Amino acid sequence: MLNCSICGREISEKEALINRDESGRKRIVCRKCFEEAVGTDYDTFRYRRENAKQTLLAVLFCLAATIYAFIARGPLYGLLGIILTILVYFFATRKPKKQHGSAGEKDHI
């Protein structure tokens, strides 16, 4: 069992999260204190972090393909690659829409 650095609550090792404060020191916090410190819950934070990694890889791949297309096919294909890279970036960084209710529910009027 570990203790939360902020509230002092006992938490299990599975629930413990490591966070850095403003001075750069690592501290062990519970999910509730993490949400208060960061401003979002841990699951959303983890999703955004993973999405940022995937977006970076996708954009780097598109840029490499754009450079190759520019060299092999010419400036027209290079320009098309730049446009497609920008579209990939904008669609990958877009926030998903919130879904209200479950998939099986129907709205009753």
PDB file of N, CA and C in Angstrom:
ATOM      1  N   MET A   1       0.832  -1.179   0.000  1.00  0.00           N
ATOM      2  CA  MET A   1       0.000   0.000   0.000  1.00  0.00           C
ATOM      3  C   MET A   1       0.886   1.256   0.000  1.00  0.00           C
ATOM      4  N   LEU A   2       0.465   2.224  -0.770  1.00  0.00           N
ATOM      5  CA  LEU A   2       1.173   3.492  -0.867  1.00  0.00           C
ATOM      6  C   LEU A   2       0.275   4.606  -0.352  1.00  0.00           C
ATOM      7  N   ASN A   3       0.860   5.723  -0.025  1.00  0.00           N
ATOM      8  CA  ASN A   3       0.102   6.878   0.430  1.00  0.00           C
ATOM      9  C   ASN A   3       0.145   7.959  -0.633  1.00  0.00           C
ATOM     10  N   CYS A   4      -0.994   8.614  -0.837  1.00  0.00           N
ATOM     11  CA  CYS A   4      -1.079   9.731  -1.773  1.00  0.00           C
ATOM     12  C   CYS A   4      -0.289  10.909  -1.197  1.00  0.00           C
ATOM     13  N   SER A   5       0.512  11.544  -2.037  1.00  0.00           N
ATOM     14  CA  SER A   5       1.337  12.663  -1.574  1.00  0.00           C
ATOM     15  C   SER A   5       0.510  13.898  -1.250  1.00  0.00           C
ATOM     16  N   ILE A   6      -0.691  14.000  -1.819  1.00  0.00           N
ATOM     17  CA  ILE A   6      -1.505  15.206  -1.619  1.00  0.00           C
ATOM     18  C   ILE A   6      -2.492  15.030  -0.470  1.00  0.00           C
ATOM     19  N   CYS A   7      -3.339  13.983  -0.562  1.00  0.00           N
ATOM     20  CA  CYS A   7      -4.381  13.823   0.453  1.00  0.00           C
ATOM     21  C   CYS A   7      -4.010  12.833   1.553  1.00  0.00           C
ATOM     22  N   GLY A   8      -2.980  12.014   1.352  1.00  0.00           N
ATOM     23  CA  GLY A   8      -2.543  11.075   2.369  1.00  0.00           C
ATOM     24  C   GLY A   8      -3.339   9.787   2.412  1.00  0.00           C
ATOM     25  N   ARG A   9      -4.266   9.604   1.495  1.00  0.00           N
ATOM     26  CA  ARG A   9      -5.094   8.399   1.461  1.00  0.00           C
ATOM     27  C   ARG A   9      -4.252   7.196   1.052  1.00  0.00           C
ATOM     28  N   GLU A  10      -4.543   6.026   1.633  1.00  0.00           N
ATOM     29  CA  GLU A  10      -3.835   4.813   1.244  1.00  0.00           C
ATOM     30  C   GLU A  10      -4.420   4.289  -0.062  1.00  0.00           C
ATOM     31  N   ILE A  11      -3.533   3.992  -1.003  1.00  0.00           N
ATOM     32  CA  ILE A  11      -3.961   3.477  -2.305  1.00  0.00           C
ATOM     33  C   ILE A  11      -3.114   2.263  -2.654  1.00  0.00           C
ATOM     34  N   SER A  12      -3.687   1.381  -3.469  1.00  0.00           N
ATOM     35  CA  SER A  12      -2.936   0.201  -3.884  1.00  0.00           C
ATOM     36  C   SER A  12      -1.952   0.591  -4.978  1.00  0.00           C
ATOM     37  N   GLU A  13      -1.016  -0.305  -5.274  1.00  0.00           N
ATOM     38  CA  GLU A  13      -0.013  -0.013  -6.290  1.00  0.00           C
ATOM     39  C   GLU A  13      -0.639   0.106  -7.672  1.00  0.00           C
ATOM     40  N   LYS A  14      -1.740  -0.603  -7.917  1.00  0.00           N
ATOM     41  CA  LYS A  14      -2.413  -0.531  -9.213  1.00  0.00           C
ATOM     42  C   LYS A  14      -3.093   0.824  -9.423  1.00  0.00           C
ATOM     43  N   GLU A  15      -3.594   1.408  -8.354  1.00  0.00           N
ATOM     44  CA  GLU A  15      -4.298   2.691  -8.443  1.00  0.00           C
ATOM     45  C   GLU A  15      -3.350   3.886  -8.398  1.00  0.00           C
ATOM     46  N   ALA A  16      -2.131   3.676  -7.959  1.00  0.00           N
ATOM     47  CA  ALA A  16      -1.191   4.783  -7.771  1.00  0.00           C
ATOM     48  C   ALA A  16      -0.747   5.352  -9.114  1.00  0.00           C
ATOM     49  N   LEU A  17      -0.695   6.662  -9.193  1.00  0.00           N
ATOM     50  CA  LEU A  17      -0.237   7.369 -10.383  1.00  0.00           C
ATOM     51  C   LEU A  17       0.961   8.233 -10.008  1.00  0.00           C
ATOM     52  N   ILE A  18       1.891   8.369 -10.925  1.00  0.00           N
ATOM     53  CA  ILE A  18       3.056   9.214 -10.678  1.00  0.00           C
ATOM     54  C   ILE A  18       2.860  10.515 -11.429  1.00  0.00           C
ATOM     55  N   ASN A  19       2.970  11.613 -10.720  1.00  0.00           N
ATOM     56  CA  ASN A  19       2.766  12.938 -11.287  1.00  0.00           C
ATOM     57  C   ASN A  19       3.940  13.819 -10.902  1.00  0.00           C
ATOM     58  N   ARG A  20       4.237  14.799 -11.740  1.00  0.00           N
ATOM     59  CA  ARG A  20       5.292  15.774 -11.418  1.00  0.00           C
ATOM     60  C   ARG A  20       4.626  17.089 -11.038  1.00  0.00           C
ATOM     61  N   ASP A  21       5.125  17.678  -9.962  1.00  0.00           N
ATOM     62  CA  ASP A  21       4.577  18.968  -9.568  1.00  0.00           C
ATOM     63  C   ASP A  21       5.292  20.082 -10.327  1.00  0.00           C
ATOM     64  N   GLU A  22       4.999  21.323  -9.983  1.00  0.00           N
ATOM     65  CA  GLU A  22       5.544  22.470 -10.703  1.00  0.00           C
ATOM     66  C   GLU A  22       7.066  22.553 -10.619  1.00  0.00           C
ATOM     67  N   SER A  23       7.635  22.078  -9.527  1.00  0.00           N
ATOM     68  CA  SER A  23       9.089  22.138  -9.368  1.00  0.00           C
ATOM     69  C   SER A  23       9.793  20.949 -10.021  1.00  0.00           C
ATOM     70  N   GLY A  24       9.028  19.990 -10.571  1.00  0.00           N
ATOM     71  CA  GLY A  24       9.617  18.863 -11.276  1.00  0.00           C
ATOM     72  C   GLY A  24       9.830  17.627 -10.426  1.00  0.00           C
ATOM     73  N   ARG A  25       9.407  17.658  -9.171  1.00  0.00           N
ATOM     74  CA  ARG A  25       9.558  16.492  -8.300  1.00  0.00           C
ATOM     75  C   ARG A  25       8.450  15.485  -8.576  1.00  0.00           C
ATOM     76  N   LYS A  26       8.815  14.205  -8.563  1.00  0.00           N
ATOM     77  CA  LYS A  26       7.819  13.154  -8.747  1.00  0.00           C
ATOM     78  C   LYS A  26       7.064  12.934  -7.447  1.00  0.00           C
ATOM     79  N   ARG A  27       5.774  12.659  -7.583  1.00  0.00           N
ATOM     80  CA  ARG A  27       4.973  12.356  -6.401  1.00  0.00           C
ATOM     81  C   ARG A  27       3.943  11.298  -6.770  1.00  0.00           C
ATOM     82  N   ILE A  28       3.540  10.520  -5.788  1.00  0.00           N
ATOM     83  CA  ILE A  28       2.541   9.475  -5.977  1.00  0.00           C
ATOM     84  C   ILE A  28       1.198  10.057  -5.570  1.00  0.00           C
ATOM     85  N   VAL A  29       0.223   9.970  -6.491  1.00  0.00           N
ATOM     86  CA  VAL A  29      -1.096  10.541  -6.225  1.00  0.00           C
ATOM     87  C   VAL A  29      -2.183   9.536  -6.563  1.00  0.00           C
ATOM     88  N   CYS A  30      -3.348   9.734  -5.964  1.00  0.00           N
ATOM     89  CA  CYS A  30      -4.521   8.925  -6.297  1.00  0.00           C
ATOM     90  C   CYS A  30      -5.217   9.550  -7.502  1.00  0.00           C
ATOM     91  N   ARG A  31      -6.188   8.847  -8.068  1.00  0.00           N
ATOM     92  CA  ARG A  31      -6.875   9.341  -9.263  1.00  0.00           C
ATOM     93  C   ARG A  31      -7.633  10.650  -8.996  1.00  0.00           C
ATOM     94  N   LYS A  32      -8.208  10.770  -7.823  1.00  0.00           N
ATOM     95  CA  LYS A  32      -8.967  11.976  -7.495  1.00  0.00           C
ATOM     96  C   LYS A  32      -8.048  13.198  -7.424  1.00  0.00           C
ATOM     97  N   CYS A  33      -6.904  13.054  -6.777  1.00  0.00           N
ATOM     98  CA  CYS A  33      -5.955  14.163  -6.685  1.00  0.00           C
ATOM     99  C   CYS A  33      -5.325  14.456  -8.040  1.00  0.00           C
ATOM    100  N   PHE A  34      -5.116  13.422  -8.872  1.00  0.00           N
ATOM    101  CA  PHE A  34      -4.587  13.625 -10.216  1.00  0.00           C
ATOM    102  C   PHE A  34      -5.553  14.473 -11.029  1.00  0.00           C
ATOM    103  N   GLU A  35      -6.847  14.179 -10.896  1.00  0.00           N
ATOM    104  CA  GLU A  35      -7.854  14.945 -11.631  1.00  0.00           C
ATOM    105  C   GLU A  35      -7.862  16.403 -11.180  1.00  0.00           C
ATOM    106  N   GLU A  36      -7.707  16.643  -9.890  1.00  0.00           N
ATOM    107  CA  GLU A  36      -7.673  18.018  -9.392  1.00  0.00           C
ATOM    108  C   GLU A  36      -6.404  18.746  -9.832  1.00  0.00           C
ATOM    109  N   ALA A  37      -5.277  18.041  -9.867  1.00  0.00           N
ATOM    110  CA  ALA A  37      -4.005  18.670 -10.224  1.00  0.00           C
ATOM    111  C   ALA A  37      -3.905  18.958 -11.718  1.00  0.00           C
ATOM    112  N   VAL A  38      -4.361  18.024 -12.548  1.00  0.00           N
ATOM    113  CA  VAL A  38      -4.207  18.155 -13.995  1.00  0.00           C
ATOM    114  C   VAL A  38      -5.406  18.836 -14.637  1.00  0.00           C
ATOM    115  N   GLY A  39      -6.581  18.634 -14.080  1.00  0.00           N
ATOM    116  CA  GLY A  39      -7.779  19.255 -14.633  1.00  0.00           C
ATOM    117  C   GLY A  39      -8.612  18.313 -15.486  1.00  0.00           C
ATOM    118  N   THR A  40      -8.189  17.063 -15.615  1.00  0.00           N
ATOM    119  CA  THR A  40      -8.949  16.067 -16.360  1.00  0.00           C
ATOM    120  C   THR A  40      -8.720  14.710 -15.707  1.00  0.00           C
ATOM    121  N   ASP A  41      -9.644  13.781 -15.925  1.00  0.00           N
ATOM    122  CA  ASP A  41      -9.477  12.471 -15.317  1.00  0.00           C
ATOM    123  C   ASP A  41      -8.363  11.701 -16.030  1.00  0.00           C
ATOM    124  N   TYR A  42      -7.875  10.660 -15.385  1.00  0.00           N
ATOM    125  CA  TYR A  42      -6.706   9.952 -15.897  1.00  0.00           C
ATOM    126  C   TYR A  42      -6.990   9.234 -17.211  1.00  0.00           C
ATOM    127  N   ASP A  43      -8.180   8.669 -17.374  1.00  0.00           N
ATOM    128  CA  ASP A  43      -8.493   7.954 -18.611  1.00  0.00           C
ATOM    129  C   ASP A  43      -8.477   8.885 -19.820  1.00  0.00           C
ATOM    130  N   THR A  44      -9.024  10.080 -19.679  1.00  0.00           N
ATOM    131  CA  THR A  44      -8.990  11.062 -20.758  1.00  0.00           C
ATOM    132  C   THR A  44      -7.561  11.513 -21.030  1.00  0.00           C
ATOM    133  N   PHE A  45      -6.792  11.726 -19.967  1.00  0.00           N
ATOM    134  CA  PHE A  45      -5.392  12.119 -20.115  1.00  0.00           C
ATOM    135  C   PHE A  45      -4.610  11.052 -20.871  1.00  0.00           C
ATOM    136  N   ARG A  46      -4.808   9.790 -20.514  1.00  0.00           N
ATOM    137  CA  ARG A  46      -4.113   8.685 -21.174  1.00  0.00           C
ATOM    138  C   ARG A  46      -4.518   8.573 -22.638  1.00  0.00           C
ATOM    139  N   TYR A  47      -5.815   8.754 -22.929  1.00  0.00           N
ATOM    140  CA  TYR A  47      -6.297   8.705 -24.306  1.00  0.00           C
ATOM    141  C   TYR A  47      -5.670   9.817 -25.148  1.00  0.00           C
ATOM    142  N   ARG A  48      -5.626  11.022 -24.613  1.00  0.00           N
ATOM    143  CA  ARG A  48      -5.047  12.151 -25.354  1.00  0.00           C
ATOM    144  C   ARG A  48      -3.552  11.959 -25.584  1.00  0.00           C
ATOM    145  N   ARG A  49      -2.877  11.400 -24.599  1.00  0.00           N
ATOM    146  CA  ARG A  49      -1.435  11.169 -24.738  1.00  0.00           C
ATOM    147  C   ARG A  49      -1.162  10.129 -25.822  1.00  0.00           C
ATOM    148  N   GLU A  50      -1.919   9.043 -25.832  1.00  0.00           N
ATOM    149  CA  GLU A  50      -1.743   8.009 -26.851  1.00  0.00           C
ATOM    150  C   GLU A  50      -2.122   8.544 -28.229  1.00  0.00           C
ATOM    151  N   ASN A  51      -3.177   9.340 -28.286  1.00  0.00           N
ATOM    152  CA  ASN A  51      -3.599   9.931 -29.555  1.00  0.00           C
ATOM    153  C   ASN A  51      -2.521  10.876 -30.092  1.00  0.00           C
ATOM    154  N   ALA A  52      -1.855  11.606 -29.223  1.00  0.00           N
ATOM    155  CA  ALA A  52      -0.788  12.509 -29.658  1.00  0.00           C
ATOM    156  C   ALA A  52       0.387  11.725 -30.241  1.00  0.00           C
ATOM    157  N   LYS A  53       0.730  10.595 -29.636  1.00  0.00           N
ATOM    158  CA  LYS A  53       1.810   9.763 -30.163  1.00  0.00           C
ATOM    159  C   LYS A  53       1.457   9.223 -31.551  1.00  0.00           C
ATOM    160  N   GLN A  54       0.240   8.732 -31.693  1.00  0.00           N
ATOM    161  CA  GLN A  54      -0.183   8.177 -32.981  1.00  0.00           C
ATOM    162  C   GLN A  54      -0.247   9.261 -34.051  1.00  0.00           C
ATOM    163  N   THR A  55      -0.695  10.445 -33.691  1.00  0.00           N
ATOM    164  CA  THR A  55      -0.755  11.558 -34.641  1.00  0.00           C
ATOM    165  C   THR A  55       0.642  11.944 -35.094  1.00  0.00           C
ATOM    166  N   LEU A  56       1.584  11.994 -34.164  1.00  0.00           N
ATOM    167  CA  LEU A  56       2.959  12.320 -34.519  1.00  0.00           C
ATOM    168  C   LEU A  56       3.530  11.303 -35.508  1.00  0.00           C
ATOM    169  N   LEU A  57       3.308  10.024 -35.251  1.00  0.00           N
ATOM    170  CA  LEU A  57       3.804   8.996 -36.160  1.00  0.00           C
ATOM    171  C   LEU A  57       3.147   9.094 -37.539  1.00  0.00           C
ATOM    172  N   ALA A  58       1.848   9.355 -37.564  1.00  0.00           N
ATOM    173  CA  ALA A  58       1.142   9.473 -38.840  1.00  0.00           C
ATOM    174  C   ALA A  58       1.640  10.665 -39.652  1.00  0.00           C
ATOM    175  N   VAL A  59       1.842  11.788 -38.993  1.00  0.00           N
ATOM    176  CA  VAL A  59       2.316  12.983 -39.697  1.00  0.00           C
ATOM    177  C   VAL A  59       3.747  12.790 -40.185  1.00  0.00           C
ATOM    178  N   LEU A  60       4.598  12.168 -39.382  1.00  0.00           N
ATOM    179  CA  LEU A  60       5.967  11.905 -39.829  1.00  0.00           C
ATOM    180  C   LEU A  60       5.987  10.961 -41.031  1.00  0.00           C
ATOM    181  N   PHE A  61       5.137   9.941 -41.021  1.00  0.00           N
ATOM    182  CA  PHE A  61       5.044   9.034 -42.154  1.00  0.00           C
ATOM    183  C   PHE A  61       4.564   9.777 -43.400  1.00  0.00           C
ATOM    184  N   CYS A  62       3.557  10.629 -43.242  1.00  0.00           N
ATOM    185  CA  CYS A  62       3.044  11.399 -44.380  1.00  0.00           C
ATOM    186  C   CYS A  62       4.101  12.350 -44.926  1.00  0.00           C
ATOM    187  N   LEU A  63       4.874  12.969 -44.039  1.00  0.00           N
ATOM    188  CA  LEU A  63       5.938  13.866 -44.500  1.00  0.00           C
ATOM    189  C   LEU A  63       7.017  13.106 -45.268  1.00  0.00           C
ATOM    190  N   ALA A  64       7.367  11.924 -44.788  1.00  0.00           N
ATOM    191  CA  ALA A  64       8.355  11.114 -45.496  1.00  0.00           C
ATOM    192  C   ALA A  64       7.829  10.704 -46.863  1.00  0.00           C
ATOM    193  N   ALA A  65       6.562  10.309 -46.944  1.00  0.00           N
ATOM    194  CA  ALA A  65       5.960   9.946 -48.227  1.00  0.00           C
ATOM    195  C   ALA A  65       5.878  11.163 -49.146  1.00  0.00           C
ATOM    196  N   THR A  66       5.622  12.342 -48.585  1.00  0.00           N
ATOM    197  CA  THR A  66       5.565  13.575 -49.376  1.00  0.00           C
ATOM    198  C   THR A  66       6.931  13.907 -49.970  1.00  0.00           C
ATOM    199  N   ILE A  67       7.967  13.784 -49.172  1.00  0.00           N
ATOM    200  CA  ILE A  67       9.319  14.054 -49.676  1.00  0.00           C
ATOM    201  C   ILE A  67       9.677  13.069 -50.782  1.00  0.00           C
ATOM    202  N   TYR A  68       9.351  11.793 -50.567  1.00  0.00           N
ATOM    203  CA  TYR A  68       9.616  10.795 -51.596  1.00  0.00           C
ATOM    204  C   TYR A  68       8.844  11.105 -52.880  1.00  0.00           C
ATOM    205  N   ALA A  69       7.563  11.469 -52.741  1.00  0.00           N
ATOM    206  CA  ALA A  69       6.744  11.780 -53.917  1.00  0.00           C
ATOM    207  C   ALA A  69       7.278  13.013 -54.643  1.00  0.00           C
ATOM    208  N   PHE A  70       7.744  13.995 -53.899  1.00  0.00           N
ATOM    209  CA  PHE A  70       8.302  15.200 -54.517  1.00  0.00           C
ATOM    210  C   PHE A  70       9.559  14.863 -55.317  1.00  0.00           C
ATOM    211  N   ILE A  71      10.415  14.020 -54.756  1.00  0.00           N
ATOM    212  CA  ILE A  71      11.653  13.654 -55.440  1.00  0.00           C
ATOM    213  C   ILE A  71      11.382  12.729 -56.621  1.00  0.00           C
ATOM    214  N   ALA A  72      10.523  11.731 -56.442  1.00  0.00           N
ATOM    215  CA  ALA A  72      10.312  10.716 -57.467  1.00  0.00           C
ATOM    216  C   ALA A  72       9.348  11.166 -58.563  1.00  0.00           C
ATOM    217  N   ARG A  73       8.289  11.905 -58.200  1.00  0.00           N
ATOM    218  CA  ARG A  73       7.242  12.241 -59.165  1.00  0.00           C
ATOM    219  C   ARG A  73       7.188  13.709 -59.555  1.00  0.00           C
ATOM    220  N   GLY A  74       7.698  14.581 -58.717  1.00  0.00           N
ATOM    221  CA  GLY A  74       7.697  15.989 -59.066  1.00  0.00           C
ATOM    222  C   GLY A  74       6.932  16.843 -58.075  1.00  0.00           C
ATOM    223  N   PRO A  75       6.922  18.162 -58.329  1.00  0.00           N
ATOM    224  CA  PRO A  75       6.324  19.105 -57.375  1.00  0.00           C
ATOM    225  C   PRO A  75       4.808  18.965 -57.235  1.00  0.00           C
ATOM    226  N   LEU A  76       4.118  18.522 -58.268  1.00  0.00           N
ATOM    227  CA  LEU A  76       2.664  18.378 -58.162  1.00  0.00           C
ATOM    228  C   LEU A  76       2.300  17.315 -57.127  1.00  0.00           C
ATOM    229  N   TYR A  77       2.984  16.185 -57.165  1.00  0.00           N
ATOM    230  CA  TYR A  77       2.731  15.138 -56.170  1.00  0.00           C
ATOM    231  C   TYR A  77       3.218  15.563 -54.786  1.00  0.00           C
ATOM    232  N   GLY A  78       4.273  16.357 -54.731  1.00  0.00           N
ATOM    233  CA  GLY A  78       4.741  16.884 -53.456  1.00  0.00           C
ATOM    234  C   GLY A  78       3.713  17.811 -52.827  1.00  0.00           C
ATOM    235  N   LEU A  79       3.110  18.662 -53.647  1.00  0.00           N
ATOM    236  CA  LEU A  79       2.058  19.565 -53.161  1.00  0.00           C
ATOM    237  C   LEU A  79       0.845  18.776 -52.687  1.00  0.00           C
ATOM    238  N   LEU A  80       0.467  17.748 -53.436  1.00  0.00           N
ATOM    239  CA  LEU A  80      -0.644  16.887 -53.026  1.00  0.00           C
ATOM    240  C   LEU A  80      -0.328  16.201 -51.698  1.00  0.00           C
ATOM    241  N   GLY A  81       0.913  15.779 -51.523  1.00  0.00           N
ATOM    242  CA  GLY A  81       1.316  15.155 -50.266  1.00  0.00           C
ATOM    243  C   GLY A  81       1.249  16.109 -49.095  1.00  0.00           C
ATOM    244  N   ILE A  82       1.644  17.363 -49.326  1.00  0.00           N
ATOM    245  CA  ILE A  82       1.554  18.365 -48.256  1.00  0.00           C
ATOM    246  C   ILE A  82       0.099  18.599 -47.852  1.00  0.00           C
ATOM    247  N   ILE A  83      -0.777  18.682 -48.829  1.00  0.00           N
ATOM    248  CA  ILE A  83      -2.208  18.887 -48.542  1.00  0.00           C
ATOM    249  C   ILE A  83      -2.768  17.694 -47.759  1.00  0.00           C
ATOM    250  N   LEU A  84      -2.411  16.490 -48.183  1.00  0.00           N
ATOM    251  CA  LEU A  84      -2.894  15.304 -47.468  1.00  0.00           C
ATOM    252  C   LEU A  84      -2.314  15.212 -46.060  1.00  0.00           C
ATOM    253  N   THR A  85      -1.072  15.627 -45.881  1.00  0.00           N
ATOM    254  CA  THR A  85      -0.467  15.628 -44.550  1.00  0.00           C
ATOM    255  C   THR A  85      -1.194  16.600 -43.623  1.00  0.00           C
ATOM    256  N   ILE A  86      -1.545  17.770 -44.131  1.00  0.00           N
ATOM    257  CA  ILE A  86      -2.287  18.750 -43.337  1.00  0.00           C
ATOM    258  C   ILE A  86      -3.667  18.204 -42.969  1.00  0.00           C
ATOM    259  N   LEU A  87      -4.323  17.540 -43.906  1.00  0.00           N
ATOM    260  CA  LEU A  87      -5.632  16.941 -43.617  1.00  0.00           C
ATOM    261  C   LEU A  87      -5.524  15.840 -42.563  1.00  0.00           C
ATOM    262  N   VAL A  88      -4.501  15.005 -42.661  1.00  0.00           N
ATOM    263  CA  VAL A  88      -4.303  13.959 -41.654  1.00  0.00           C
ATOM    264  C   VAL A  88      -4.105  14.592 -40.288  1.00  0.00           C
ATOM    265  N   TYR A  89      -3.321  15.652 -40.223  1.00  0.00           N
ATOM    266  CA  TYR A  89      -3.077  16.322 -38.942  1.00  0.00           C
ATOM    267  C   TYR A  89      -4.370  16.894 -38.360  1.00  0.00           C
ATOM    268  N   PHE A  90      -5.143  17.590 -39.181  1.00  0.00           N
ATOM    269  CA  PHE A  90      -6.362  18.208 -38.658  1.00  0.00           C
ATOM    270  C   PHE A  90      -7.404  17.177 -38.246  1.00  0.00           C
ATOM    271  N   PHE A  91      -7.559  16.109 -39.011  1.00  0.00           N
ATOM    272  CA  PHE A  91      -8.551  15.100 -38.641  1.00  0.00           C
ATOM    273  C   PHE A  91      -8.085  14.250 -37.468  1.00  0.00           C
ATOM    274  N   ALA A  92      -6.791  14.059 -37.306  1.00  0.00           N
ATOM    275  CA  ALA A  92      -6.284  13.255 -36.194  1.00  0.00           C
ATOM    276  C   ALA A  92      -6.335  14.017 -34.875  1.00  0.00           C
ATOM    277  N   THR A  93      -6.222  15.329 -34.903  1.00  0.00           N
ATOM    278  CA  THR A  93      -6.221  16.107 -33.665  1.00  0.00           C
ATOM    279  C   THR A  93      -7.607  16.591 -33.276  1.00  0.00           C
ATOM    280  N   ARG A  94      -8.594  16.287 -34.080  1.00  0.00           N
ATOM    281  CA  ARG A  94      -9.957  16.696 -33.769  1.00  0.00           C
ATOM    282  C   ARG A  94     -10.478  15.921 -32.573  1.00  0.00           C
ATOM    283  N   LYS A  95     -11.184  16.595 -31.673  1.00  0.00           N
ATOM    284  CA  LYS A  95     -11.745  15.943 -30.499  1.00  0.00           C
ATOM    285  C   LYS A  95     -12.953  15.107 -30.912  1.00  0.00           C
ATOM    286  N   PRO A  96     -13.093  13.910 -30.329  1.00  0.00           N
ATOM    287  CA  PRO A  96     -14.273  13.106 -30.647  1.00  0.00           C
ATOM    288  C   PRO A  96     -15.523  13.713 -30.028  1.00  0.00           C
ATOM    289  N   LYS A  97     -16.637  13.525 -30.710  1.00  0.00           N
ATOM    290  CA  LYS A  97     -17.899  14.043 -30.190  1.00  0.00           C
ATOM    291  C   LYS A  97     -18.378  13.169 -29.051  1.00  0.00           C
ATOM    292  N   LYS A  98     -18.979  13.789 -28.050  1.00  0.00           N
ATOM    293  CA  LYS A  98     -19.535  13.026 -26.938  1.00  0.00           C
ATOM    294  C   LYS A  98     -20.827  12.373 -27.376  1.00  0.00           C
ATOM    295  N   GLN A  99     -20.991  11.132 -26.985  1.00  0.00           N
ATOM    296  CA  GLN A  99     -22.215  10.415 -27.296  1.00  0.00           C
ATOM    297  C   GLN A  99     -23.063  10.373 -26.040  1.00  0.00           C
ATOM    298  N   HIS A 100     -24.298  10.781 -26.174  1.00  0.00           N
ATOM    299  CA  HIS A 100     -25.203  10.795 -25.041  1.00  0.00           C
ATOM    300  C   HIS A 100     -26.054   9.539 -25.085  1.00  0.00           C
ATOM    301  N   GLY A 101     -26.164   8.868 -23.950  1.00  0.00           N
ATOM    302  CA  GLY A 101     -26.965   7.655 -23.882  1.00  0.00           C
ATOM    303  C   GLY A 101     -26.239   6.474 -24.464  1.00  0.00           C
ATOM    304  N   SER A 102     -26.821   5.301 -24.324  1.00  0.00           N
ATOM    305  CA  SER A 102     -26.189   4.116 -24.882  1.00  0.00           C
ATOM    306  C   SER A 102     -26.677   3.896 -26.308  1.00  0.00           C
ATOM    307  N   ALA A 103     -26.051   2.952 -26.990  1.00  0.00           N
ATOM    308  CA  ALA A 103     -26.346   2.726 -28.403  1.00  0.00           C
ATOM    309  C   ALA A 103     -27.751   2.165 -28.602  1.00  0.00           C
ATOM    310  N   GLY A 104     -28.264   1.448 -27.625  1.00  0.00           N
ATOM    311  CA  GLY A 104     -29.573   0.820 -27.780  1.00  0.00           C
ATOM    312  C   GLY A 104     -30.747   1.705 -27.405  1.00  0.00           C
ATOM    313  N   GLU A 105     -30.484   2.868 -26.825  1.00  0.00           N
ATOM    314  CA  GLU A 105     -31.569   3.747 -26.397  1.00  0.00           C
ATOM    315  C   GLU A 105     -32.113   4.566 -27.563  1.00  0.00           C
ATOM    316  N   LYS A 106     -33.413   4.806 -27.521  1.00  0.00           N
ATOM    317  CA  LYS A 106     -34.049   5.692 -28.489  1.00  0.00           C
ATOM    318  C   LYS A 106     -34.655   6.855 -27.761  1.00  0.00           C
ATOM    319  N   ASP A 107     -34.642   8.005 -28.407  1.00  0.00           N
ATOM    320  CA  ASP A 107     -35.234   9.182 -27.796  1.00  0.00           C
ATOM    321  C   ASP A 107     -36.756   9.086 -27.862  1.00  0.00           C
ATOM    322  N   HIS A 108     -37.404   9.348 -26.753  1.00  0.00           N
ATOM    323  CA  HIS A 108     -38.844   9.360 -26.714  1.00  0.00           C
ATOM    324  C   HIS A 108     -39.328  10.788 -26.639  1.00  0.00           C
ATOM    325  N   ILE A 109     -40.263  11.105 -27.484  1.00  0.00           N
ATOM    326  CA  ILE A 109     -40.777  12.477 -27.531  1.00  0.00           C
ATOM    327  C   ILE A 109     -42.099  12.569 -26.840  1.00  0.00           C
TER     328      ILE A 109
END
